[in-house]
Amino acid sequence: MNARDKVEQPQGAAPERDASWTADTGRIWGLSTALESDRADAEGRRAQGLEARLRDQALLFAEAEHKLKTSLGIVAGWARTLDDRWDELPHEVRREAVATIRRTTDDLWVHCDAMLVELRSDVTIIDTEPVRLDLDAILAVATMGYAGAATAHRFVHVPGGQVWAWVDPASLQQVLGHLFDNAVKYSPTGSSITVRARDCGQTAEIDVADEGIGLPEGVDVFAPFTRGRAQAPDDGHGPGGVGLGLYVVRKLVEGMGGTIMATPNAGAGTTFTVRLLGGGLQTRI
C-alpha cells in the first residue's frame, strides 16, 4: 500500500475503537455521572442545612441582642438616675430603683447562661459520635437519677424491653435533661412524668409525657426564646428561663439525625416524642 492508498483520518477525529471498548466507556461514563449527581445532591443538602442553621443563629443572635440591650438599658438608666439624683429622690423610689436593677441583672444572668448552653450545644453537634445503645436502659437510669433530685414530681419509667438506637451519649443526656426540666417546670406539684422507649423498626422513639399546662396554640415551642403560656401551673411557681431549652433539644436531636415533636395529651399535659435512627443492625448504615 502506497501513500495514496492510506485512508486519512479527519484532523481531530477520535481513533476507531472496537465495540467492547465503546461499551466499557459508556458504563464508566454512566457510573461517573451517577457519582457526580450523588455528590452534587449531598453538597446541596449540606448547603441547605448550613443555610437553615445560619438563619436560626441569625434569629437567635438578633433576639439575644435585643434582650441584652433592653436589660442593660434599664440597668444603666436607673444607675445614672440614682447617681445623679440620689439626694433628691424619695427613699421609696431609691428602693424601687435598686430592686429593679437587681431583678434585671438576675434576668441577664439567666439569659447569658442559656446562651452559653446554646453555644455548648453547637460544639456537641459538631463533635457528635453516634454509638449503638439501649434506650430503655438509659431511660431507667436517667429517671431514677432525676427522680431523686425532683422530689416534688413522680417520675415513672415504663419498661419496653431492649430498644436499640444510634445516639451520641452526651447529646442524649442533654436532651433528656432539658425534657425532664421542661416537664417539671410546666407541671403541678405531685403530678406524674412518664417516660418510655419504643422499637419502631428502622427508628426508635422516646416519649416524655407530663400532666402540665399543655401546649400554647399557634406557637412553635422549639423556636428560640419561646416559653409557652404566661400562666403558672397549679402550684403557683411560674416557669423560669428564657425559652432556649427546647430549641437546644431540637438542635441536639437533629445533630443525631433524628426529629422531635410535641403533642397535646387527651386529658392534660404534653408528650414530647424523640425519634432516632434504630439500632437493630449492628452496623450503622
C-alpha atoms as a PDB file:
ATOM      1  CA  MET A   1       0.000   0.000   0.000  1.00  0.00           C
ATOM      2  CA  ASN A   2       1.461   3.296  -1.039  1.00  0.00           C
ATOM      3  CA  ALA A   3       0.805   6.693   0.481  1.00  0.00           C
ATOM      4  CA  ARG A   4      -2.157   7.315  -1.866  1.00  0.00           C
ATOM      5  CA  ASP A   5      -3.895   4.145  -0.676  1.00  0.00           C
ATOM      6  CA  LYS A   6      -3.847   5.158   3.011  1.00  0.00           C
ATOM      7  CA  VAL A   7      -7.185   6.251   4.481  1.00  0.00           C
ATOM      8  CA  GLU A   8      -6.608   9.546   6.201  1.00  0.00           C
ATOM      9  CA  GLN A   9      -8.465  10.340   9.430  1.00  0.00           C
ATOM     10  CA  PRO A  10     -10.032  13.774   9.537  1.00  0.00           C
ATOM     11  CA  GLN A  11      -7.924  16.076  11.668  1.00  0.00           C
ATOM     12  CA  GLY A  12      -9.041  15.994  15.310  1.00  0.00           C
ATOM     13  CA  ALA A  13     -11.205  12.850  14.879  1.00  0.00           C
ATOM     14  CA  ALA A  14     -11.086  10.133  17.561  1.00  0.00           C
ATOM     15  CA  PRO A  15      -9.365   6.893  16.542  1.00  0.00           C
ATOM     16  CA  GLU A  16     -11.586   3.942  15.752  1.00  0.00           C
ATOM     17  CA  ARG A  17     -12.272   1.608  18.724  1.00  0.00           C
ATOM     18  CA  ASP A  18     -13.887  -1.787  18.941  1.00  0.00           C
ATOM     19  CA  ALA A  19     -17.431  -2.325  20.327  1.00  0.00           C
ATOM     20  CA  SER A  20     -16.278  -3.633  23.740  1.00  0.00           C
ATOM     21  CA  TRP A  21     -14.204  -0.500  24.357  1.00  0.00           C
ATOM     22  CA  THR A  22     -17.213   1.654  23.495  1.00  0.00           C
ATOM     23  CA  ALA A  23     -19.494  -0.291  25.874  1.00  0.00           C
ATOM     24  CA  ASP A  24     -16.981  -0.091  28.745  1.00  0.00           C
ATOM     25  CA  THR A  25     -16.565   3.609  28.171  1.00  0.00           C
ATOM     26  CA  GLY A  26     -20.341   4.035  28.320  1.00  0.00           C
ATOM     27  CA  ARG A  27     -20.590   2.158  31.605  1.00  0.00           C
ATOM     28  CA  ILE A  28     -17.740   4.144  33.144  1.00  0.00           C
ATOM     29  CA  TRP A  29     -19.282   7.377  31.918  1.00  0.00           C
ATOM     30  CA  GLY A  30     -22.661   6.380  33.378  1.00  0.00           C
ATOM     31  CA  LEU A  31     -21.123   5.481  36.743  1.00  0.00           C
ATOM     32  CA  SER A  32     -19.145   8.706  36.830  1.00  0.00           C
ATOM     33  CA  THR A  33     -22.265  10.723  36.055  1.00  0.00           C
ATOM     34  CA  ALA A  34     -24.243   8.948  38.810  1.00  0.00           C
ATOM     35  CA  LEU A  35     -21.478   9.520  41.369  1.00  0.00           C
ATOM     36  CA  GLU A  36     -21.236  13.161  40.386  1.00  0.00           C
ATOM     37  CA  SER A  37     -25.005  13.515  40.714  1.00  0.00           C
ATOM     38  CA  ASP A  38     -24.948  11.904  44.177  1.00  0.00           C
ATOM     39  CA  ARG A  39     -22.101  14.177  45.221  1.00  0.00           C
ATOM     40  CA  ALA A  40     -23.983  17.235  43.978  1.00  0.00           C
ATOM     41  CA  ASP A  41     -27.125  16.146  45.849  1.00  0.00           C
ATOM     42  CA  ALA A  42     -25.140  15.643  49.044  1.00  0.00           C
ATOM     43  CA  GLU A  43     -23.478  19.035  48.651  1.00  0.00           C
ATOM     44  CA  GLY A  44     -26.887  20.576  48.062  1.00  0.00           C
ATOM     45  CA  ARG A  45     -28.305  19.010  51.225  1.00  0.00           C
ATOM     46  CA  ARG A  46     -25.303  20.170  53.233  1.00  0.00           C
ATOM     47  CA  ALA A  47     -25.666  23.672  51.820  1.00  0.00           C
ATOM     48  CA  GLN A  48     -29.372  23.746  52.675  1.00  0.00           C
ATOM     49  CA  GLY A  49     -28.644  22.508  56.204  1.00  0.00           C
ATOM     50  CA  LEU A  50     -25.940  25.139  56.654  1.00  0.00           C
ATOM     51  CA  GLU A  51     -28.245  27.854  55.344  1.00  0.00           C
ATOM     52  CA  ALA A  52     -31.028  26.809  57.745  1.00  0.00           C
ATOM     53  CA  ARG A  53     -28.567  26.744  60.644  1.00  0.00           C
ATOM     54  CA  LEU A  54     -27.257  30.191  59.768  1.00  0.00           C
ATOM     55  CA  ARG A  55     -30.832  31.516  59.645  1.00  0.00           C
ATOM     56  CA  ASP A  56     -31.532  30.007  63.081  1.00  0.00           C
ATOM     57  CA  GLN A  57     -28.361  31.523  64.507  1.00  0.00           C
ATOM     58  CA  ALA A  58     -29.109  34.915  62.951  1.00  0.00           C
ATOM     59  CA  LEU A  59     -32.573  34.896  64.544  1.00  0.00           C
ATOM     60  CA  LEU A  60     -31.150  33.724  67.853  1.00  0.00           C
ATOM     61  CA  PHE A  61     -28.484  36.415  67.994  1.00  0.00           C
ATOM     62  CA  ALA A  62     -30.875  39.138  66.828  1.00  0.00           C
ATOM     63  CA  GLU A  63     -33.319  38.347  69.624  1.00  0.00           C
ATOM     64  CA  ALA A  64     -30.476  37.960  72.119  1.00  0.00           C
ATOM     65  CA  GLU A  65     -29.079  41.351  71.127  1.00  0.00           C
ATOM     66  CA  HIS A  66     -32.489  42.966  71.615  1.00  0.00           C
ATOM     67  CA  LYS A  67     -32.996  41.401  75.046  1.00  0.00           C
ATOM     68  CA  LEU A  68     -29.494  42.208  76.232  1.00  0.00           C
ATOM     69  CA  LYS A  69     -29.660  45.817  75.063  1.00  0.00           C
ATOM     70  CA  THR A  70     -33.082  46.295  76.658  1.00  0.00           C
ATOM     71  CA  SER A  71     -31.950  44.889  80.009  1.00  0.00           C
ATOM     72  CA  LEU A  72     -28.674  46.814  80.004  1.00  0.00           C
ATOM     73  CA  GLY A  73     -30.568  49.983  79.112  1.00  0.00           C
ATOM     74  CA  ILE A  74     -32.805  49.549  82.160  1.00  0.00           C
ATOM     75  CA  VAL A  75     -29.836  48.947  84.461  1.00  0.00           C
ATOM     76  CA  ALA A  76     -27.826  51.854  83.038  1.00  0.00           C
ATOM     77  CA  GLY A  77     -30.818  54.228  83.161  1.00  0.00           C
ATOM     78  CA  TRP A  78     -31.614  53.564  86.807  1.00  0.00           C
ATOM     79  CA  ALA A  79     -27.923  53.621  87.778  1.00  0.00           C
ATOM     80  CA  ARG A  80     -27.485  57.075  86.210  1.00  0.00           C
ATOM     81  CA  THR A  81     -30.646  58.322  87.879  1.00  0.00           C
ATOM     82  CA  LEU A  82     -29.523  57.138  91.293  1.00  0.00           C
ATOM     83  CA  ASP A  83     -26.030  58.551  90.816  1.00  0.00           C
ATOM     84  CA  ASP A  84     -27.246  61.949  89.605  1.00  0.00           C
ATOM     85  CA  ARG A  85     -30.264  62.437  91.869  1.00  0.00           C
ATOM     86  CA  TRP A  86     -29.683  60.282  94.945  1.00  0.00           C
ATOM     87  CA  ASP A  87     -30.202  63.073  97.497  1.00  0.00           C
ATOM     88  CA  GLU A  88     -33.395  64.421  95.952  1.00  0.00           C
ATOM     89  CA  LEU A  89     -35.118  61.081  95.295  1.00  0.00           C
ATOM     90  CA  PRO A  90     -37.552  59.758  97.929  1.00  0.00           C
ATOM     91  CA  HIS A  91     -36.465  56.682  99.846  1.00  0.00           C
ATOM     92  CA  GLU A  92     -39.232  54.574  98.240  1.00  0.00           C
ATOM     93  CA  VAL A  93     -38.063  55.487  94.729  1.00  0.00           C
ATOM     94  CA  ARG A  94     -34.464  54.631  95.555  1.00  0.00           C
ATOM     95  CA  ARG A  95     -35.558  51.255  96.949  1.00  0.00           C
ATOM     96  CA  GLU A  96     -37.642  50.529  93.834  1.00  0.00           C
ATOM     97  CA  ALA A  97     -34.720  51.509  91.583  1.00  0.00           C
ATOM     98  CA  VAL A  98     -32.341  49.157  93.385  1.00  0.00           C
ATOM     99  CA  ALA A  99     -34.936  46.345  93.259  1.00  0.00           C
ATOM    100  CA  THR A 100     -35.405  46.900  89.503  1.00  0.00           C
ATOM    101  CA  ILE A 101     -31.655  46.754  88.908  1.00  0.00           C
ATOM    102  CA  ARG A 102     -31.466  43.531  90.911  1.00  0.00           C
ATOM    103  CA  ARG A 103     -34.352  41.858  89.029  1.00  0.00           C
ATOM    104  CA  THR A 104     -32.927  42.884  85.678  1.00  0.00           C
ATOM    105  CA  THR A 105     -29.428  41.638  86.443  1.00  0.00           C
ATOM    106  CA  ASP A 106     -30.898  38.341  87.670  1.00  0.00           C
ATOM    107  CA  ASP A 107     -32.697  38.011  84.314  1.00  0.00           C
ATOM    108  CA  LEU A 108     -29.475  38.850  82.493  1.00  0.00           C
ATOM    109  CA  TRP A 109     -27.666  36.107  84.394  1.00  0.00           C
ATOM    110  CA  VAL A 110     -30.255  33.513  83.386  1.00  0.00           C
ATOM    111  CA  HIS A 111     -30.266  34.741  79.791  1.00  0.00           C
ATOM    112  CA  CYS A 112     -26.477  34.635  79.442  1.00  0.00           C
ATOM    113  CA  ASP A 113     -26.373  31.154  80.974  1.00  0.00           C
ATOM    114  CA  ALA A 114     -28.947  29.976  78.424  1.00  0.00           C
ATOM    115  CA  MET A 115     -26.893  31.478  75.605  1.00  0.00           C
ATOM    116  CA  LEU A 116     -23.863  29.539  76.824  1.00  0.00           C
ATOM    117  CA  VAL A 117     -25.947  26.347  76.763  1.00  0.00           C
ATOM    118  CA  GLU A 118     -26.780  27.056  73.120  1.00  0.00           C
ATOM    119  CA  LEU A 119     -23.120  27.619  72.269  1.00  0.00           C
ATOM    120  CA  ARG A 120     -22.171  24.366  74.021  1.00  0.00           C
ATOM    121  CA  SER A 121     -24.857  22.563  72.024  1.00  0.00           C
ATOM    122  CA  ASP A 122     -23.171  23.766  68.811  1.00  0.00           C
ATOM    123  CA  VAL A 123     -19.911  22.155  69.951  1.00  0.00           C
ATOM    124  CA  THR A 124     -21.735  18.933  70.853  1.00  0.00           C
ATOM    125  CA  ILE A 125     -23.391  18.757  67.419  1.00  0.00           C
ATOM    126  CA  ILE A 126     -20.063  19.254  65.662  1.00  0.00           C
ATOM    127  CA  ASP A 127     -18.404  16.519  67.773  1.00  0.00           C
ATOM    128  CA  THR A 128     -21.301  14.037  67.604  1.00  0.00           C
ATOM    129  CA  GLU A 129     -20.135  10.405  67.642  1.00  0.00           C
ATOM    130  CA  PRO A 130     -23.164   8.046  67.441  1.00  0.00           C
ATOM    131  CA  VAL A 131     -22.899   4.635  69.093  1.00  0.00           C
ATOM    132  CA  ARG A 132     -25.407   1.791  69.444  1.00  0.00           C
ATOM    133  CA  LEU A 133     -27.137   1.984  72.854  1.00  0.00           C
ATOM    134  CA  ASP A 134     -30.187   0.522  74.598  1.00  0.00           C
ATOM    135  CA  LEU A 135     -32.581   3.466  75.094  1.00  0.00           C
ATOM    136  CA  ASP A 136     -34.722   1.624  77.647  1.00  0.00           C
ATOM    137  CA  ALA A 137     -31.723   1.023  79.896  1.00  0.00           C
ATOM    138  CA  ILE A 138     -30.653   4.662  79.580  1.00  0.00           C
ATOM    139  CA  LEU A 139     -34.148   5.884  80.500  1.00  0.00           C
ATOM    140  CA  ALA A 140     -34.259   3.599  83.541  1.00  0.00           C
ATOM    141  CA  VAL A 141     -31.045   5.119  84.905  1.00  0.00           C
ATOM    142  CA  ALA A 142     -31.911   8.706  83.905  1.00  0.00           C
ATOM    143  CA  THR A 143     -35.375   8.684  85.507  1.00  0.00           C
ATOM    144  CA  MET A 144     -34.032   7.133  88.710  1.00  0.00           C
ATOM    145  CA  GLY A 145     -31.384   9.827  88.992  1.00  0.00           C
ATOM    146  CA  TYR A 146     -33.706  12.700  88.155  1.00  0.00           C
ATOM    147  CA  ALA A 147     -36.443  11.476  90.485  1.00  0.00           C
ATOM    148  CA  GLY A 148     -34.003  11.781  93.377  1.00  0.00           C
ATOM    149  CA  ALA A 149     -33.476  15.476  92.591  1.00  0.00           C
ATOM    150  CA  ALA A 150     -37.053  16.440  91.604  1.00  0.00           C
ATOM    151  CA  THR A 151     -38.910  15.004  94.590  1.00  0.00           C
ATOM    152  CA  ALA A 152     -41.999  17.187  94.054  1.00  0.00           C
ATOM    153  CA  HIS A 153     -42.936  15.131  90.972  1.00  0.00           C
ATOM    154  CA  ARG A 154     -43.323  11.407  90.366  1.00  0.00           C
ATOM    155  CA  PHE A 155     -41.141  10.006  87.578  1.00  0.00           C
ATOM    156  CA  VAL A 156     -42.482   6.790  86.018  1.00  0.00           C
ATOM    157  CA  HIS A 157     -40.378   4.664  83.684  1.00  0.00           C
ATOM    158  CA  VAL A 158     -42.451   2.235  81.611  1.00  0.00           C
ATOM    159  CA  PRO A 159     -40.144  -0.682  80.657  1.00  0.00           C
ATOM    160  CA  GLY A 160     -40.174  -1.529  76.965  1.00  0.00           C
ATOM    161  CA  GLY A 161     -37.544  -4.234  76.670  1.00  0.00           C
ATOM    162  CA  GLN A 162     -34.350  -3.596  74.756  1.00  0.00           C
ATOM    163  CA  VAL A 163     -34.725  -0.655  72.367  1.00  0.00           C
ATOM    164  CA  TRP A 164     -31.534  -0.146  70.386  1.00  0.00           C
ATOM    165  CA  ALA A 165     -30.718   3.137  68.659  1.00  0.00           C
ATOM    166  CA  TRP A 166     -27.742   5.033  67.247  1.00  0.00           C
ATOM    167  CA  VAL A 167     -27.180   8.036  69.503  1.00  0.00           C
ATOM    168  CA  ASP A 168     -24.472  10.331  70.770  1.00  0.00           C
ATOM    169  CA  PRO A 169     -24.373   9.670  74.553  1.00  0.00           C
ATOM    170  CA  ALA A 170     -23.527  13.257  75.568  1.00  0.00           C
ATOM    171  CA  SER A 171     -26.212  14.733  73.307  1.00  0.00           C
ATOM    172  CA  LEU A 172     -28.821  12.252  74.539  1.00  0.00           C
ATOM    173  CA  GLN A 173     -28.093  13.110  78.188  1.00  0.00           C
ATOM    174  CA  GLN A 174     -28.560  16.813  77.412  1.00  0.00           C
ATOM    175  CA  VAL A 175     -31.809  16.092  75.561  1.00  0.00           C
ATOM    176  CA  LEU A 176     -33.248  14.074  78.453  1.00  0.00           C
ATOM    177  CA  GLY A 177     -32.139  16.681  80.982  1.00  0.00           C
ATOM    178  CA  HIS A 178     -33.874  19.507  79.102  1.00  0.00           C
ATOM    179  CA  LEU A 179     -37.058  17.483  78.548  1.00  0.00           C
ATOM    180  CA  PHE A 180     -37.225  16.454  82.210  1.00  0.00           C
ATOM    181  CA  ASP A 181     -36.602  20.069  83.289  1.00  0.00           C
ATOM    182  CA  ASN A 182     -39.343  21.258  80.961  1.00  0.00           C
ATOM    183  CA  ALA A 183     -41.826  18.668  82.260  1.00  0.00           C
ATOM    184  CA  VAL A 184     -41.139  19.641  85.878  1.00  0.00           C
ATOM    185  CA  LYS A 185     -41.301  23.362  85.114  1.00  0.00           C
ATOM    186  CA  TYR A 186     -44.720  23.245  83.451  1.00  0.00           C
ATOM    187  CA  SER A 187     -46.377  20.589  85.649  1.00  0.00           C
ATOM    188  CA  PRO A 188     -48.093  20.952  89.050  1.00  0.00           C
ATOM    189  CA  THR A 189     -46.541  19.543  92.202  1.00  0.00           C
ATOM    190  CA  GLY A 190     -47.370  15.871  92.756  1.00  0.00           C
ATOM    191  CA  SER A 191     -48.107  15.132  89.089  1.00  0.00           C
ATOM    192  CA  SER A 192     -46.531  12.268  87.148  1.00  0.00           C
ATOM    193  CA  ILE A 193     -43.952  12.429  84.380  1.00  0.00           C
ATOM    194  CA  THR A 194     -43.933   9.219  82.334  1.00  0.00           C
ATOM    195  CA  VAL A 195     -41.075   8.140  80.076  1.00  0.00           C
ATOM    196  CA  ARG A 196     -40.779   5.155  77.760  1.00  0.00           C
ATOM    197  CA  ALA A 197     -38.829   3.890  74.746  1.00  0.00           C
ATOM    198  CA  ARG A 198     -40.263   2.072  71.718  1.00  0.00           C
ATOM    199  CA  ASP A 199     -38.678  -0.030  68.992  1.00  0.00           C
ATOM    200  CA  CYS A 200     -40.252   1.056  65.694  1.00  0.00           C
ATOM    201  CA  GLY A 201     -38.093  -0.991  63.346  1.00  0.00           C
ATOM    202  CA  GLN A 202     -35.915   1.399  61.388  1.00  0.00           C
ATOM    203  CA  THR A 203     -36.420   4.044  64.064  1.00  0.00           C
ATOM    204  CA  ALA A 204     -36.578   4.125  67.861  1.00  0.00           C
ATOM    205  CA  GLU A 205     -38.657   6.578  69.892  1.00  0.00           C
ATOM    206  CA  ILE A 206     -38.550   8.146  73.343  1.00  0.00           C
ATOM    207  CA  ASP A 207     -41.690   9.634  74.930  1.00  0.00           C
ATOM    208  CA  VAL A 208     -41.646  12.112  77.812  1.00  0.00           C
ATOM    209  CA  ALA A 209     -45.241  12.798  78.899  1.00  0.00           C
ATOM    210  CA  ASP A 210     -46.308  15.254  81.602  1.00  0.00           C
ATOM    211  CA  GLU A 211     -49.619  16.310  83.188  1.00  0.00           C
ATOM    212  CA  GLY A 212     -48.959  20.020  82.971  1.00  0.00           C
ATOM    213  CA  ILE A 213     -50.495  23.090  81.375  1.00  0.00           C
ATOM    214  CA  GLY A 214     -50.243  21.792  77.802  1.00  0.00           C
ATOM    215  CA  LEU A 215     -49.125  23.422  74.570  1.00  0.00           C
ATOM    216  CA  PRO A 216     -49.803  27.052  73.625  1.00  0.00           C
ATOM    217  CA  GLU A 217     -51.897  27.422  70.479  1.00  0.00           C
ATOM    218  CA  GLY A 218     -50.182  28.690  67.356  1.00  0.00           C
ATOM    219  CA  VAL A 219     -46.710  28.744  68.930  1.00  0.00           C
ATOM    220  CA  ASP A 220     -43.617  26.812  67.835  1.00  0.00           C
ATOM    221  CA  VAL A 221     -42.317  25.659  71.223  1.00  0.00           C
ATOM    222  CA  PHE A 222     -38.976  24.695  69.619  1.00  0.00           C
ATOM    223  CA  ALA A 223     -38.270  28.235  68.415  1.00  0.00           C
ATOM    224  CA  PRO A 224     -35.699  30.253  70.399  1.00  0.00           C
ATOM    225  CA  PHE A 225     -36.978  32.376  73.303  1.00  0.00           C
ATOM    226  CA  THR A 226     -40.357  30.613  73.362  1.00  0.00           C
ATOM    227  CA  ARG A 227     -41.702  29.952  76.855  1.00  0.00           C
ATOM    228  CA  GLY A 228     -45.224  28.708  76.190  1.00  0.00           C
ATOM    229  CA  ARG A 229     -48.106  30.112  78.184  1.00  0.00           C
ATOM    230  CA  ALA A 230     -47.571  33.009  80.552  1.00  0.00           C
ATOM    231  CA  GLN A 231     -49.587  31.372  83.360  1.00  0.00           C
ATOM    232  CA  ALA A 232     -48.028  29.203  86.021  1.00  0.00           C
ATOM    233  CA  PRO A 233     -49.028  25.608  86.865  1.00  0.00           C
ATOM    234  CA  ASP A 234     -51.237  24.752  89.840  1.00  0.00           C
ATOM    235  CA  ASP A 235     -48.509  25.013  92.470  1.00  0.00           C
ATOM    236  CA  GLY A 236     -48.101  28.722  91.836  1.00  0.00           C
ATOM    237  CA  HIS A 237     -44.469  28.579  90.746  1.00  0.00           C
ATOM    238  CA  GLY A 238     -44.065  30.340  87.428  1.00  0.00           C
ATOM    239  CA  PRO A 239     -41.800  28.890  84.729  1.00  0.00           C
ATOM    240  CA  GLY A 240     -38.306  30.323  84.689  1.00  0.00           C
ATOM    241  CA  GLY A 241     -35.672  30.515  81.972  1.00  0.00           C
ATOM    242  CA  VAL A 242     -35.645  32.447  78.728  1.00  0.00           C
ATOM    243  CA  GLY A 243     -37.047  29.855  76.324  1.00  0.00           C
ATOM    244  CA  LEU A 244     -33.933  28.229  74.850  1.00  0.00           C
ATOM    245  CA  GLY A 245     -34.245  24.733  76.359  1.00  0.00           C
ATOM    246  CA  LEU A 246     -36.457  23.141  73.708  1.00  0.00           C
ATOM    247  CA  TYR A 247     -34.611  24.989  70.950  1.00  0.00           C
ATOM    248  CA  VAL A 248     -31.371  23.368  72.154  1.00  0.00           C
ATOM    249  CA  VAL A 249     -33.153  19.986  72.361  1.00  0.00           C
ATOM    250  CA  ARG A 250     -34.239  20.244  68.734  1.00  0.00           C
ATOM    251  CA  LYS A 251     -30.724  21.138  67.569  1.00  0.00           C
ATOM    252  CA  LEU A 252     -29.192  18.242  69.522  1.00  0.00           C
ATOM    253  CA  VAL A 253     -31.740  15.733  68.209  1.00  0.00           C
ATOM    254  CA  GLU A 254     -31.228  16.918  64.630  1.00  0.00           C
ATOM    255  CA  GLY A 255     -27.475  16.635  65.176  1.00  0.00           C
ATOM    256  CA  MET A 256     -28.013  12.902  65.843  1.00  0.00           C
ATOM    257  CA  GLY A 257     -30.068  12.579  62.647  1.00  0.00           C
ATOM    258  CA  GLY A 258     -33.393  12.482  64.496  1.00  0.00           C
ATOM    259  CA  THR A 259     -36.567  14.519  64.886  1.00  0.00           C
ATOM    260  CA  ILE A 260     -38.688  15.726  67.801  1.00  0.00           C
ATOM    261  CA  MET A 261     -42.346  16.689  68.064  1.00  0.00           C
ATOM    262  CA  ALA A 262     -44.744  17.818  70.787  1.00  0.00           C
ATOM    263  CA  THR A 263     -48.319  16.504  71.029  1.00  0.00           C
ATOM    264  CA  PRO A 264     -51.075  17.589  73.434  1.00  0.00           C
ATOM    265  CA  ASN A 265     -52.396  14.800  75.639  1.00  0.00           C
ATOM    266  CA  ALA A 266     -56.077  13.848  75.663  1.00  0.00           C
ATOM    267  CA  GLY A 267     -56.543  14.894  79.277  1.00  0.00           C
ATOM    268  CA  ALA A 268     -53.853  17.330  80.327  1.00  0.00           C
ATOM    269  CA  GLY A 269     -50.234  17.951  79.572  1.00  0.00           C
ATOM    270  CA  THR A 270     -47.914  17.293  76.661  1.00  0.00           C
ATOM    271  CA  THR A 271     -45.959  14.376  75.209  1.00  0.00           C
ATOM    272  CA  PHE A 272     -42.582  15.063  73.606  1.00  0.00           C
ATOM    273  CA  THR A 273     -41.505  12.328  71.197  1.00  0.00           C
ATOM    274  CA  VAL A 274     -37.882  11.970  70.088  1.00  0.00           C
ATOM    275  CA  ARG A 275     -37.402   9.788  67.007  1.00  0.00           C
ATOM    276  CA  LEU A 276     -33.902   8.413  66.386  1.00  0.00           C
ATOM    277  CA  LEU A 277     -32.206   6.021  63.967  1.00  0.00           C
ATOM    278  CA  GLY A 278     -32.981   2.472  65.072  1.00  0.00           C
ATOM    279  CA  GLY A 279     -30.104   0.274  66.143  1.00  0.00           C
ATOM    280  CA  GLY A 280     -31.492  -3.081  65.045  1.00  0.00           C
ATOM    281  CA  LEU A 281     -28.435  -3.555  62.834  1.00  0.00           C
ATOM    282  CA  GLN A 282     -25.040  -3.972  64.480  1.00  0.00           C
ATOM    283  CA  THR A 283     -23.502  -1.620  61.926  1.00  0.00           C
ATOM    284  CA  ARG A 284     -24.847   1.848  61.210  1.00  0.00           C
ATOM    285  CA  ILE A 285     -25.878   2.368  57.599  1.00  0.00           C
END
